[in-house]
Amino acid sequence: MNISSQQAFFNWKNQMIFFIIQDLLAYIYIYIYIYMCVKEKHQSLQQYIVIRLTLTLGLKSVYN
């Protein structure tokens, strides 16, 4: 394995880790959102979308 293929592999691995972490956090937020909806008896989809976008943009800024 030369340097460029090693670098490509590490970039790919970091990207996979990023996607896995993002998905796990998204699932956690979905469960929290569903719990809050059940608890407070109201659906606030806009609030969820804002949280999801903030999470995605925040993670991308950390990893880039």
Protein backbone atom coordinates (compact mmCIF):
# COMPACT_ATOMS: atom_id res chain seq x y z
CA MET A 1 0.00 0.00 0.00
CA ASN A 2 1.50 3.30 -1.00
CA ILE A 3 0.88 6.63 0.69
CA SER A 4 -2.03 7.77 -1.50
CA SER A 5 -4.02 4.55 -1.09
CA GLN A 6 -3.39 4.63 2.67
CA GLN A 7 -4.61 8.23 2.78
CA ALA A 8 -7.68 7.31 0.74
CA PHE A 9 -8.42 4.44 3.12
CA PHE A 10 -8.14 6.68 6.19
CA ASN A 11 -10.34 9.32 4.55
CA TRP A 12 -12.93 6.63 3.75
CA LYS A 13 -12.74 5.24 7.30
CA ASN A 14 -13.19 8.70 8.83
CA GLN A 15 -16.16 9.30 6.57
CA MET A 16 -17.75 6.00 7.62
CA ILE A 17 -17.19 6.85 11.30
CA PHE A 18 -18.77 10.27 10.69
CA PHE A 19 -21.85 8.72 9.06
CA ILE A 20 -22.23 6.11 11.82
CA ILE A 21 -21.97 8.77 14.57
CA GLN A 22 -24.40 11.01 12.69
CA ASP A 23 -26.92 8.16 12.33
CA LEU A 24 -26.62 7.19 16.00
CA LEU A 25 -27.17 10.78 17.12
CA ALA A 26 -30.08 11.11 14.71
CA TYR A 27 -31.73 8.00 16.18
CA ILE A 28 -31.19 9.33 19.71
CA TYR A 29 -32.79 12.65 18.71
CA ILE A 30 -35.72 10.82 17.06
CA TYR A 31 -36.35 8.81 20.23
CA ILE A 32 -36.14 11.95 22.38
CA TYR A 33 -38.50 13.72 19.96
CA ILE A 34 -41.04 10.85 20.03
CA TYR A 35 -40.80 10.70 23.84
CA MET A 36 -41.42 14.45 24.12
CA CYS A 37 -44.37 14.23 21.72
CA VAL A 38 -45.93 11.38 23.71
CA LYS A 39 -45.24 13.13 27.01
CA GLU A 40 -46.49 16.58 26.02
CA LYS A 41 -49.16 15.39 23.54
CA HIS A 42 -48.10 17.69 20.71
CA GLN A 43 -46.29 17.19 17.43
CA SER A 44 -43.66 19.80 16.66
CA LEU A 45 -42.12 18.65 13.39
CA GLN A 46 -40.49 22.04 12.75
CA GLN A 47 -38.66 21.78 16.07
CA TYR A 48 -37.35 18.34 15.11
CA ILE A 49 -36.22 19.57 11.68
CA VAL A 50 -34.36 22.49 13.29
CA ILE A 51 -32.66 20.14 15.78
CA ARG A 52 -31.75 17.70 12.97
CA LEU A 53 -30.29 20.42 10.75
CA THR A 54 -28.33 21.91 13.64
CA LEU A 55 -26.97 18.46 14.49
CA THR A 56 -25.98 17.75 10.88
CA LEU A 57 -24.34 21.14 10.30
CA GLY A 58 -22.62 21.03 13.69
CA LEU A 59 -21.13 17.60 13.00
CA LYS A 60 -20.02 18.58 9.50
CA SER A 61 -18.26 21.67 10.85
CA VAL A 62 -16.49 19.53 13.46
CA TYR A 63 -15.33 16.95 10.93
CA ASN A 64 -14.36 19.35 8.11
